Amino acid sequence: MNPTIPEMNRTIGELDGWIFSRSGKTAKKGKNGPWRNTKDFRYHDSWKWLKPVIDEIFGYALVHPEKVKPIIEMRIVVNIKFAHERVFEFAKWFQTLNNEYKIHQ
């Protein structure tokens, strides 16, 4: 089953530093940020939202080159849907990595 745009945006949002309410309908950036409706998340159709996350992913290139490679290969991307899907895949993998790390602490 394919994830929905809101599900993908939530996963990307978590990588981007958003903290979600229990309901998942609101989130705040960091601990002290104002609450925002998650329906307003625009990772799927706004480069203004997605580009900073892509830049953050580049920072992981030395540690996880195989996982960052699909993002780096998007040097010139005109299709934001394609970029959104690639960033979601990285964010999903990164979430799994963090969960495994927490278990082994």
PDB file of N, CA and C in Angstrom:
ATOM      1  N   MET A   1       0.837  -1.177   0.000  1.00  0.00           N
ATOM      2  CA  MET A   1       0.000   0.000   0.000  1.00  0.00           C
ATOM      3  C   MET A   1       0.887   1.247   0.000  1.00  0.00           C
ATOM      4  N   ASN A   2       0.610   2.149  -0.898  1.00  0.00           N
ATOM      5  CA  ASN A   2       1.398   3.372  -1.010  1.00  0.00           C
ATOM      6  C   ASN A   2       1.002   4.372   0.065  1.00  0.00           C
ATOM      7  N   PRO A   3       1.997   5.072   0.619  1.00  0.00           N
ATOM      8  CA  PRO A   3       1.676   6.085   1.636  1.00  0.00           C
ATOM      9  C   PRO A   3       0.976   7.286   1.001  1.00  0.00           C
ATOM     10  N   THR A   4       0.167   7.946   1.789  1.00  0.00           N
ATOM     11  CA  THR A   4      -0.524   9.142   1.314  1.00  0.00           C
ATOM     12  C   THR A   4       0.421  10.347   1.424  1.00  0.00           C
ATOM     13  N   ILE A   5       0.065  11.429   0.752  1.00  0.00           N
ATOM     14  CA  ILE A   5       0.853  12.662   0.834  1.00  0.00           C
ATOM     15  C   ILE A   5       0.984  13.114   2.297  1.00  0.00           C
ATOM     16  N   PRO A   6      -0.114  13.161   3.087  1.00  0.00           N
ATOM     17  CA  PRO A   6       0.051  13.560   4.488  1.00  0.00           C
ATOM     18  C   PRO A   6       0.993  12.637   5.274  1.00  0.00           C
ATOM     19  N   GLU A   7       0.952  11.333   5.007  1.00  0.00           N
ATOM     20  CA  GLU A   7       1.857  10.403   5.687  1.00  0.00           C
ATOM     21  C   GLU A   7       3.311  10.677   5.290  1.00  0.00           C
ATOM     22  N   MET A   8       3.530  10.923   4.015  1.00  0.00           N
ATOM     23  CA  MET A   8       4.872  11.227   3.543  1.00  0.00           C
ATOM     24  C   MET A   8       5.359  12.545   4.142  1.00  0.00           C
ATOM     25  N   ASN A   9       4.483  13.546   4.155  1.00  0.00           N
ATOM     26  CA  ASN A   9       4.860  14.844   4.708  1.00  0.00           C
ATOM     27  C   ASN A   9       5.176  14.751   6.196  1.00  0.00           C
ATOM     28  N   ARG A  10       4.462  13.905   6.910  1.00  0.00           N
ATOM     29  CA  ARG A  10       4.750  13.741   8.340  1.00  0.00           C
ATOM     30  C   ARG A  10       6.144  13.146   8.533  1.00  0.00           C
ATOM     31  N   THR A  11       6.469  12.118   7.770  1.00  0.00           N
ATOM     32  CA  THR A  11       7.781  11.486   7.881  1.00  0.00           C
ATOM     33  C   THR A  11       8.892  12.482   7.554  1.00  0.00           C
ATOM     34  N   ILE A  12       8.701  13.246   6.494  1.00  0.00           N
ATOM     35  CA  ILE A  12       9.685  14.271   6.130  1.00  0.00           C
ATOM     36  C   ILE A  12       9.727  15.346   7.212  1.00  0.00           C
ATOM     37  N   GLY A  13       8.563  15.722   7.736  1.00  0.00           N
ATOM     38  CA  GLY A  13       8.488  16.734   8.786  1.00  0.00           C
ATOM     39  C   GLY A  13       9.247  16.322  10.033  1.00  0.00           C
ATOM     40  N   GLU A  14       9.184  15.056  10.389  1.00  0.00           N
ATOM     41  CA  GLU A  14       9.925  14.566  11.553  1.00  0.00           C
ATOM     42  C   GLU A  14      11.427  14.718  11.326  1.00  0.00           C
ATOM     43  N   LEU A  15      11.890  14.402  10.111  1.00  0.00           N
ATOM     44  CA  LEU A  15      13.294  14.607   9.774  1.00  0.00           C
ATOM     45  C   LEU A  15      13.655  16.087   9.831  1.00  0.00           C
ATOM     46  N   ASP A  16      12.705  16.933   9.489  1.00  0.00           N
ATOM     47  CA  ASP A  16      12.914  18.387   9.452  1.00  0.00           C
ATOM     48  C   ASP A  16      12.805  19.040  10.826  1.00  0.00           C
ATOM     49  N   GLY A  17      12.532  18.248  11.866  1.00  0.00           N
ATOM     50  CA  GLY A  17      12.532  18.792  13.223  1.00  0.00           C
ATOM     51  C   GLY A  17      11.173  19.158  13.786  1.00  0.00           C
ATOM     52  N   TRP A  18      10.097  18.773  13.120  1.00  0.00           N
ATOM     53  CA  TRP A  18       8.753  19.036  13.634  1.00  0.00           C
ATOM     54  C   TRP A  18       8.403  18.007  14.702  1.00  0.00           C
ATOM     55  N   ILE A  19       7.737  18.456  15.733  1.00  0.00           N
ATOM     56  CA  ILE A  19       7.250  17.590  16.807  1.00  0.00           C
ATOM     57  C   ILE A  19       5.729  17.551  16.686  1.00  0.00           C
ATOM     58  N   PHE A  20       5.181  16.378  16.538  1.00  0.00           N
ATOM     59  CA  PHE A  20       3.759  16.222  16.263  1.00  0.00           C
ATOM     60  C   PHE A  20       2.952  15.981  17.537  1.00  0.00           C
ATOM     61  N   SER A  21       1.734  16.504  17.517  1.00  0.00           N
ATOM     62  CA  SER A  21       0.814  16.240  18.619  1.00  0.00           C
ATOM     63  C   SER A  21       0.386  14.778  18.551  1.00  0.00           C
ATOM     64  N   ARG A  22      -0.246  14.296  19.596  1.00  0.00           N
ATOM     65  CA  ARG A  22      -0.714  12.900  19.614  1.00  0.00           C
ATOM     66  C   ARG A  22      -1.659  12.605  18.461  1.00  0.00           C
ATOM     67  N   SER A  23      -2.504  13.568  18.125  1.00  0.00           N
ATOM     68  CA  SER A  23      -3.460  13.361  17.037  1.00  0.00           C
ATOM     69  C   SER A  23      -2.785  13.415  15.666  1.00  0.00           C
ATOM     70  N   GLY A  24      -1.627  14.060  15.596  1.00  0.00           N
ATOM     71  CA  GLY A  24      -0.937  14.215  14.322  1.00  0.00           C
ATOM     72  C   GLY A  24      -1.494  15.332  13.462  1.00  0.00           C
ATOM     73  N   LYS A  25      -2.486  16.036  13.974  1.00  0.00           N
ATOM     74  CA  LYS A  25      -3.111  17.105  13.184  1.00  0.00           C
ATOM     75  C   LYS A  25      -2.385  18.435  13.323  1.00  0.00           C
ATOM     76  N   THR A  26      -1.557  18.566  14.363  1.00  0.00           N
ATOM     77  CA  THR A  26      -0.769  19.770  14.557  1.00  0.00           C
ATOM     78  C   THR A  26       0.668  19.377  14.881  1.00  0.00           C
ATOM     79  N   ALA A  27       1.568  20.322  14.658  1.00  0.00           N
ATOM     80  CA  ALA A  27       2.980  20.090  14.957  1.00  0.00           C
ATOM     81  C   ALA A  27       3.638  21.429  15.234  1.00  0.00           C
ATOM     82  N   LYS A  28       4.768  21.363  15.920  1.00  0.00           N
ATOM     83  CA  LYS A  28       5.535  22.583  16.159  1.00  0.00           C
ATOM     84  C   LYS A  28       6.988  22.301  15.814  1.00  0.00           C
ATOM     85  N   LYS A  29       7.660  23.330  15.319  1.00  0.00           N
ATOM     86  CA  LYS A  29       9.068  23.197  14.928  1.00  0.00           C
ATOM     87  C   LYS A  29       9.917  23.364  16.173  1.00  0.00           C
ATOM     88  N   GLY A  30      10.518  22.283  16.627  1.00  0.00           N
ATOM     89  CA  GLY A  30      11.303  22.316  17.844  1.00  0.00           C
ATOM     90  C   GLY A  30      10.398  22.375  19.067  1.00  0.00           C
ATOM     91  N   LYS A  31      10.994  22.456  20.227  1.00  0.00           N
ATOM     92  CA  LYS A  31      10.215  22.437  21.466  1.00  0.00           C
ATOM     93  C   LYS A  31       9.444  23.722  21.715  1.00  0.00           C
ATOM     94  N   ASN A  32       9.950  24.852  21.235  1.00  0.00           N
ATOM     95  CA  ASN A  32       9.332  26.135  21.563  1.00  0.00           C
ATOM     96  C   ASN A  32       8.595  26.790  20.404  1.00  0.00           C
ATOM     97  N   GLY A  33       8.507  26.131  19.282  1.00  0.00           N
ATOM     98  CA  GLY A  33       7.838  26.719  18.129  1.00  0.00           C
ATOM     99  C   GLY A  33       6.329  26.763  18.298  1.00  0.00           C
ATOM    100  N   PRO A  34       5.663  27.629  17.537  1.00  0.00           N
ATOM    101  CA  PRO A  34       4.202  27.679  17.602  1.00  0.00           C
ATOM    102  C   PRO A  34       3.590  26.443  16.917  1.00  0.00           C
ATOM    103  N   TRP A  35       2.441  26.037  17.387  1.00  0.00           N
ATOM    104  CA  TRP A  35       1.730  24.902  16.791  1.00  0.00           C
ATOM    105  C   TRP A  35       1.195  25.308  15.425  1.00  0.00           C
ATOM    106  N   ARG A  36       1.233  24.363  14.503  1.00  0.00           N
ATOM    107  CA  ARG A  36       0.770  24.604  13.133  1.00  0.00           C
ATOM    108  C   ARG A  36      -0.042  23.399  12.672  1.00  0.00           C
ATOM    109  N   ASN A  37      -1.067  23.646  11.890  1.00  0.00           N
ATOM    110  CA  ASN A  37      -1.889  22.578  11.332  1.00  0.00           C
ATOM    111  C   ASN A  37      -1.060  21.815  10.297  1.00  0.00           C
ATOM    112  N   THR A  38      -1.013  20.500  10.409  1.00  0.00           N
ATOM    113  CA  THR A  38      -0.199  19.712   9.480  1.00  0.00           C
ATOM    114  C   THR A  38      -0.773  19.703   8.060  1.00  0.00           C
ATOM    115  N   LYS A  39      -2.013  20.101   7.889  1.00  0.00           N
ATOM    116  CA  LYS A  39      -2.566  20.233   6.541  1.00  0.00           C
ATOM    117  C   LYS A  39      -1.831  21.313   5.755  1.00  0.00           C
ATOM    118  N   ASP A  40      -1.146  22.205   6.485  1.00  0.00           N
ATOM    119  CA  ASP A  40      -0.401  23.292   5.849  1.00  0.00           C
ATOM    120  C   ASP A  40       0.992  22.869   5.387  1.00  0.00           C
ATOM    121  N   PHE A  41       1.408  21.649   5.691  1.00  0.00           N
ATOM    122  CA  PHE A  41       2.733  21.186   5.267  1.00  0.00           C
ATOM    123  C   PHE A  41       2.754  21.057   3.752  1.00  0.00           C
ATOM    124  N   ARG A  42       3.791  21.608   3.119  1.00  0.00           N
ATOM    125  CA  ARG A  42       3.835  21.683   1.668  1.00  0.00           C
ATOM    126  C   ARG A  42       5.078  21.016   1.068  1.00  0.00           C
ATOM    127  N   TYR A  43       5.617  20.014   1.735  1.00  0.00           N
ATOM    128  CA  TYR A  43       6.815  19.350   1.222  1.00  0.00           C
ATOM    129  C   TYR A  43       6.591  18.781  -0.176  1.00  0.00           C
ATOM    130  N   HIS A  44       5.374  18.399  -0.480  1.00  0.00           N
ATOM    131  CA  HIS A  44       5.069  17.745  -1.746  1.00  0.00           C
ATOM    132  C   HIS A  44       4.919  18.700  -2.928  1.00  0.00           C
ATOM    133  N   ASP A  45       4.755  19.998  -2.682  1.00  0.00           N
ATOM    134  CA  ASP A  45       4.548  20.905  -3.812  1.00  0.00           C
ATOM    135  C   ASP A  45       5.234  22.264  -3.669  1.00  0.00           C
ATOM    136  N   SER A  46       6.152  22.380  -2.709  1.00  0.00           N
ATOM    137  CA  SER A  46       6.845  23.649  -2.517  1.00  0.00           C
ATOM    138  C   SER A  46       8.339  23.414  -2.308  1.00  0.00           C
ATOM    139  N   TRP A  47       9.133  23.949  -3.222  1.00  0.00           N
ATOM    140  CA  TRP A  47      10.582  23.854  -3.056  1.00  0.00           C
ATOM    141  C   TRP A  47      11.028  24.602  -1.814  1.00  0.00           C
ATOM    142  N   LYS A  48      10.300  25.628  -1.424  1.00  0.00           N
ATOM    143  CA  LYS A  48      10.632  26.383  -0.214  1.00  0.00           C
ATOM    144  C   LYS A  48      10.614  25.460   1.011  1.00  0.00           C
ATOM    145  N   TRP A  49       9.712  24.503   1.020  1.00  0.00           N
ATOM    146  CA  TRP A  49       9.619  23.531   2.111  1.00  0.00           C
ATOM    147  C   TRP A  49      10.640  22.401   1.943  1.00  0.00           C
ATOM    148  N   LEU A  50      10.749  21.875   0.720  1.00  0.00           N
ATOM    149  CA  LEU A  50      11.528  20.656   0.497  1.00  0.00           C
ATOM    150  C   LEU A  50      13.038  20.905   0.403  1.00  0.00           C
ATOM    151  N   LYS A  51      13.454  22.009  -0.172  1.00  0.00           N
ATOM    152  CA  LYS A  51      14.879  22.267  -0.398  1.00  0.00           C
ATOM    153  C   LYS A  51      15.700  22.262   0.892  1.00  0.00           C
ATOM    154  N   PRO A  52      15.263  22.889   1.993  1.00  0.00           N
ATOM    155  CA  PRO A  52      16.060  22.822   3.219  1.00  0.00           C
ATOM    156  C   PRO A  52      16.263  21.389   3.738  1.00  0.00           C
ATOM    157  N   VAL A  53      15.284  20.524   3.511  1.00  0.00           N
ATOM    158  CA  VAL A  53      15.412  19.124   3.938  1.00  0.00           C
ATOM    159  C   VAL A  53      16.448  18.417   3.060  1.00  0.00           C
ATOM    160  N   ILE A  54      16.413  18.695   1.770  1.00  0.00           N
ATOM    161  CA  ILE A  54      17.408  18.117   0.863  1.00  0.00           C
ATOM    162  C   ILE A  54      18.801  18.572   1.284  1.00  0.00           C
ATOM    163  N   ASP A  55      18.945  19.845   1.595  1.00  0.00           N
ATOM    164  CA  ASP A  55      20.242  20.359   2.052  1.00  0.00           C
ATOM    165  C   ASP A  55      20.701  19.645   3.324  1.00  0.00           C
ATOM    166  N   GLU A  56      19.782  19.374   4.230  1.00  0.00           N
ATOM    167  CA  GLU A  56      20.116  18.659   5.464  1.00  0.00           C
ATOM    168  C   GLU A  56      20.570  17.233   5.152  1.00  0.00           C
ATOM    169  N   ILE A  57      19.914  16.586   4.219  1.00  0.00           N
ATOM    170  CA  ILE A  57      20.272  15.216   3.843  1.00  0.00           C
ATOM    171  C   ILE A  57      21.693  15.174   3.288  1.00  0.00           C
ATOM    172  N   PHE A  58      22.096  16.190   2.526  1.00  0.00           N
ATOM    173  CA  PHE A  58      23.460  16.226   1.997  1.00  0.00           C
ATOM    174  C   PHE A  58      24.493  16.124   3.118  1.00  0.00           C
ATOM    175  N   GLY A  59      24.149  16.609   4.294  1.00  0.00           N
ATOM    176  CA  GLY A  59      25.050  16.543   5.440  1.00  0.00           C
ATOM    177  C   GLY A  59      25.348  15.123   5.899  1.00  0.00           C
ATOM    178  N   TYR A  60      24.538  14.178   5.501  1.00  0.00           N
ATOM    179  CA  TYR A  60      24.739  12.775   5.881  1.00  0.00           C
ATOM    180  C   TYR A  60      25.546  12.003   4.831  1.00  0.00           C
ATOM    181  N   ALA A  61      26.008  12.673   3.794  1.00  0.00           N
ATOM    182  CA  ALA A  61      26.669  12.000   2.672  1.00  0.00           C
ATOM    183  C   ALA A  61      27.925  11.245   3.080  1.00  0.00           C
ATOM    184  N   LEU A  62      28.704  11.786   4.002  1.00  0.00           N
ATOM    185  CA  LEU A  62      29.939  11.110   4.401  1.00  0.00           C
ATOM    186  C   LEU A  62      29.687   9.885   5.279  1.00  0.00           C
ATOM    187  N   VAL A  63      28.625   9.943   6.067  1.00  0.00           N
ATOM    188  CA  VAL A  63      28.331   8.854   6.995  1.00  0.00           C
ATOM    189  C   VAL A  63      27.518   7.741   6.328  1.00  0.00           C
ATOM    190  N   HIS A  64      26.578   8.125   5.473  1.00  0.00           N
ATOM    191  CA  HIS A  64      25.687   7.157   4.816  1.00  0.00           C
ATOM    192  C   HIS A  64      25.633   7.420   3.314  1.00  0.00           C
ATOM    193  N   PRO A  65      26.765   7.287   2.605  1.00  0.00           N
ATOM    194  CA  PRO A  65      26.783   7.652   1.185  1.00  0.00           C
ATOM    195  C   PRO A  65      25.798   6.865   0.323  1.00  0.00           C
ATOM    196  N   GLU A  66      25.583   5.596   0.645  1.00  0.00           N
ATOM    197  CA  GLU A  66      24.679   4.779  -0.167  1.00  0.00           C
ATOM    198  C   GLU A  66      23.225   5.227  -0.049  1.00  0.00           C
ATOM    199  N   LYS A  67      22.857   5.776   1.099  1.00  0.00           N
ATOM    200  CA  LYS A  67      21.486   6.239   1.296  1.00  0.00           C
ATOM    201  C   LYS A  67      21.278   7.654   0.745  1.00  0.00           C
ATOM    202  N   VAL A  68      22.342   8.441   0.715  1.00  0.00           N
ATOM    203  CA  VAL A  68      22.244   9.820   0.235  1.00  0.00           C
ATOM    204  C   VAL A  68      22.393   9.882  -1.291  1.00  0.00           C
ATOM    205  N   LYS A  69      22.995   8.866  -1.874  1.00  0.00           N
ATOM    206  CA  LYS A  69      23.247   8.854  -3.315  1.00  0.00           C
ATOM    207  C   LYS A  69      22.004   9.150  -4.156  1.00  0.00           C
ATOM    208  N   PRO A  70      20.827   8.555  -3.861  1.00  0.00           N
ATOM    209  CA  PRO A  70      19.649   8.885  -4.682  1.00  0.00           C
ATOM    210  C   PRO A  70      19.256  10.364  -4.605  1.00  0.00           C
ATOM    211  N   ILE A  71      19.567  11.008  -3.499  1.00  0.00           N
ATOM    212  CA  ILE A  71      19.255  12.432  -3.360  1.00  0.00           C
ATOM    213  C   ILE A  71      20.269  13.245  -4.158  1.00  0.00           C
ATOM    214  N   ILE A  72      21.539  12.885  -4.052  1.00  0.00           N
ATOM    215  CA  ILE A  72      22.596  13.597  -4.769  1.00  0.00           C
ATOM    216  C   ILE A  72      22.411  13.447  -6.273  1.00  0.00           C
ATOM    217  N   GLU A  73      21.918  12.309  -6.709  1.00  0.00           N
ATOM    218  CA  GLU A  73      21.711  12.078  -8.140  1.00  0.00           C
ATOM    219  C   GLU A  73      20.619  12.972  -8.736  1.00  0.00           C
ATOM    220  N   MET A  74      19.876  13.642  -7.890  1.00  0.00           N
ATOM    221  CA  MET A  74      18.819  14.547  -8.375  1.00  0.00           C
ATOM    222  C   MET A  74      19.388  15.947  -8.612  1.00  0.00           C
ATOM    223  N   ARG A  75      20.575  16.065  -9.147  1.00  0.00           N
ATOM    224  CA  ARG A  75      21.248  17.365  -9.286  1.00  0.00           C
ATOM    225  C   ARG A  75      20.354  18.410  -9.927  1.00  0.00           C
ATOM    226  N   ILE A  76      19.712  18.049 -10.996  1.00  0.00           N
ATOM    227  CA  ILE A  76      18.780  18.976 -11.640  1.00  0.00           C
ATOM    228  C   ILE A  76      17.438  18.263 -11.697  1.00  0.00           C
ATOM    229  N   VAL A  77      16.548  18.694 -10.846  1.00  0.00           N
ATOM    230  CA  VAL A  77      15.225  18.089 -10.769  1.00  0.00           C
ATOM    231  C   VAL A  77      14.187  19.160 -11.063  1.00  0.00           C
ATOM    232  N   VAL A  78      13.322  18.872 -11.999  1.00  0.00           N
ATOM    233  CA  VAL A  78      12.250  19.816 -12.276  1.00  0.00           C
ATOM    234  C   VAL A  78      10.922  19.301 -11.749  1.00  0.00           C
ATOM    235  N   ASN A  79      10.888  18.053 -11.349  1.00  0.00           N
ATOM    236  CA  ASN A  79       9.658  17.441 -10.890  1.00  0.00           C
ATOM    237  C   ASN A  79       9.694  17.295  -9.367  1.00  0.00           C
ATOM    238  N   ILE A  80       8.957  18.129  -8.685  1.00  0.00           N
ATOM    239  CA  ILE A  80       8.977  18.102  -7.221  1.00  0.00           C
ATOM    240  C   ILE A  80       8.382  16.800  -6.669  1.00  0.00           C
ATOM    241  N   LYS A  81       7.453  16.191  -7.392  1.00  0.00           N
ATOM    242  CA  LYS A  81       6.872  14.920  -6.940  1.00  0.00           C
ATOM    243  C   LYS A  81       7.961  13.851  -6.829  1.00  0.00           C
ATOM    244  N   PHE A  82       8.842  13.791  -7.817  1.00  0.00           N
ATOM    245  CA  PHE A  82       9.951  12.841  -7.798  1.00  0.00           C
ATOM    246  C   PHE A  82      10.869  13.120  -6.609  1.00  0.00           C
ATOM    247  N   ALA A  83      11.219  14.382  -6.405  1.00  0.00           N
ATOM    248  CA  ALA A  83      12.092  14.762  -5.286  1.00  0.00           C
ATOM    249  C   ALA A  83      11.428  14.435  -3.953  1.00  0.00           C
ATOM    250  N   HIS A  84      10.132  14.709  -3.832  1.00  0.00           N
ATOM    251  CA  HIS A  84       9.375  14.429  -2.615  1.00  0.00           C
ATOM    252  C   HIS A  84       9.447  12.940  -2.277  1.00  0.00           C
ATOM    253  N   GLU A  85       9.275  12.101  -3.278  1.00  0.00           N
ATOM    254  CA  GLU A  85       9.322  10.648  -3.059  1.00  0.00           C
ATOM    255  C   GLU A  85      10.703  10.200  -2.596  1.00  0.00           C
ATOM    256  N   ARG A  86      11.755  10.746  -3.196  1.00  0.00           N
ATOM    257  CA  ARG A  86      13.113  10.383  -2.804  1.00  0.00           C
ATOM    258  C   ARG A  86      13.411  10.836  -1.372  1.00  0.00           C
ATOM    259  N   VAL A  87      13.016  12.045  -1.036  1.00  0.00           N
ATOM    260  CA  VAL A  87      13.247  12.553   0.319  1.00  0.00           C
ATOM    261  C   VAL A  87      12.457  11.729   1.321  1.00  0.00           C
ATOM    262  N   PHE A  88      11.222  11.363   0.983  1.00  0.00           N
ATOM    263  CA  PHE A  88      10.423  10.510   1.868  1.00  0.00           C
ATOM    264  C   PHE A  88      11.130   9.182   2.120  1.00  0.00           C
ATOM    265  N   GLU A  89      11.657   8.547   1.086  1.00  0.00           N
ATOM    266  CA  GLU A  89      12.345   7.274   1.244  1.00  0.00           C
ATOM    267  C   GLU A  89      13.540   7.415   2.181  1.00  0.00           C
ATOM    268  N   PHE A  90      14.299   8.503   2.046  1.00  0.00           N
ATOM    269  CA  PHE A  90      15.424   8.723   2.949  1.00  0.00           C
ATOM    270  C   PHE A  90      14.926   8.938   4.375  1.00  0.00           C
ATOM    271  N   ALA A  91      13.903   9.778   4.534  1.00  0.00           N
ATOM    272  CA  ALA A  91      13.378  10.089   5.872  1.00  0.00           C
ATOM    273  C   ALA A  91      12.849   8.829   6.555  1.00  0.00           C
ATOM    274  N   LYS A  92      12.189   7.978   5.790  1.00  0.00           N
ATOM    275  CA  LYS A  92      11.663   6.715   6.338  1.00  0.00           C
ATOM    276  C   LYS A  92      12.820   5.831   6.805  1.00  0.00           C
ATOM    277  N   TRP A  93      13.856   5.715   5.992  1.00  0.00           N
ATOM    278  CA  TRP A  93      15.027   4.939   6.369  1.00  0.00           C
ATOM    279  C   TRP A  93      15.693   5.540   7.610  1.00  0.00           C
ATOM    280  N   PHE A  94      15.846   6.859   7.644  1.00  0.00           N
ATOM    281  CA  PHE A  94      16.502   7.532   8.760  1.00  0.00           C
ATOM    282  C   PHE A  94      15.716   7.324  10.047  1.00  0.00           C
ATOM    283  N   GLN A  95      14.392   7.344   9.952  1.00  0.00           N
ATOM    284  CA  GLN A  95      13.531   7.100  11.113  1.00  0.00           C
ATOM    285  C   GLN A  95      13.782   5.690  11.657  1.00  0.00           C
ATOM    286  N   THR A  96      13.892   4.709  10.789  1.00  0.00           N
ATOM    287  CA  THR A  96      14.172   3.327  11.184  1.00  0.00           C
ATOM    288  C   THR A  96      15.539   3.225  11.856  1.00  0.00           C
ATOM    289  N   LEU A  97      16.524   3.917  11.291  1.00  0.00           N
ATOM    290  CA  LEU A  97      17.864   3.916  11.861  1.00  0.00           C
ATOM    291  C   LEU A  97      17.851   4.493  13.277  1.00  0.00           C
ATOM    292  N   ASN A  98      17.158   5.602  13.471  1.00  0.00           N
ATOM    293  CA  ASN A  98      17.062   6.217  14.797  1.00  0.00           C
ATOM    294  C   ASN A  98      16.353   5.310  15.784  1.00  0.00           C
ATOM    295  N   ASN A  99      15.296   4.637  15.337  1.00  0.00           N
ATOM    296  CA  ASN A  99      14.574   3.719  16.218  1.00  0.00           C
ATOM    297  C   ASN A  99      15.458   2.554  16.644  1.00  0.00           C
ATOM    298  N   GLU A 100      16.260   2.029  15.725  1.00  0.00           N
ATOM    299  CA  GLU A 100      17.177   0.936  16.063  1.00  0.00           C
ATOM    300  C   GLU A 100      18.229   1.411  17.043  1.00  0.00           C
ATOM    301  N   TYR A 101      18.731   2.619  16.868  1.00  0.00           N
ATOM    302  CA  TYR A 101      19.734   3.187  17.761  1.00  0.00           C
ATOM    303  C   TYR A 101      19.186   3.310  19.181  1.00  0.00           C
ATOM    304  N   LYS A 102      17.938   3.785  19.289  1.00  0.00           N
ATOM    305  CA  LYS A 102      17.316   3.964  20.607  1.00  0.00           C
ATOM    306  C   LYS A 102      17.143   2.620  21.314  1.00  0.00           C
ATOM    307  N   ILE A 103      16.822   1.599  20.568  1.00  0.00           N
ATOM    308  CA  ILE A 103      16.624   0.268  21.146  1.00  0.00           C
ATOM    309  C   ILE A 103      17.936  -0.271  21.709  1.00  0.00           C
ATOM    310  N   HIS A 104      19.050   0.022  21.042  1.00  0.00           N
ATOM    311  CA  HIS A 104      20.340  -0.529  21.449  1.00  0.00           C
ATOM    312  C   HIS A 104      21.088   0.333  22.454  1.00  0.00           C
ATOM    313  N   GLN A 105      20.500   1.396  22.914  1.00  0.00           N
ATOM    314  CA  GLN A 105      21.160   2.243  23.915  1.00  0.00           C
ATOM    315  C   GLN A 105      21.021   1.666  25.290  1.00  0.00           C
TER     316      GLN A 105
END
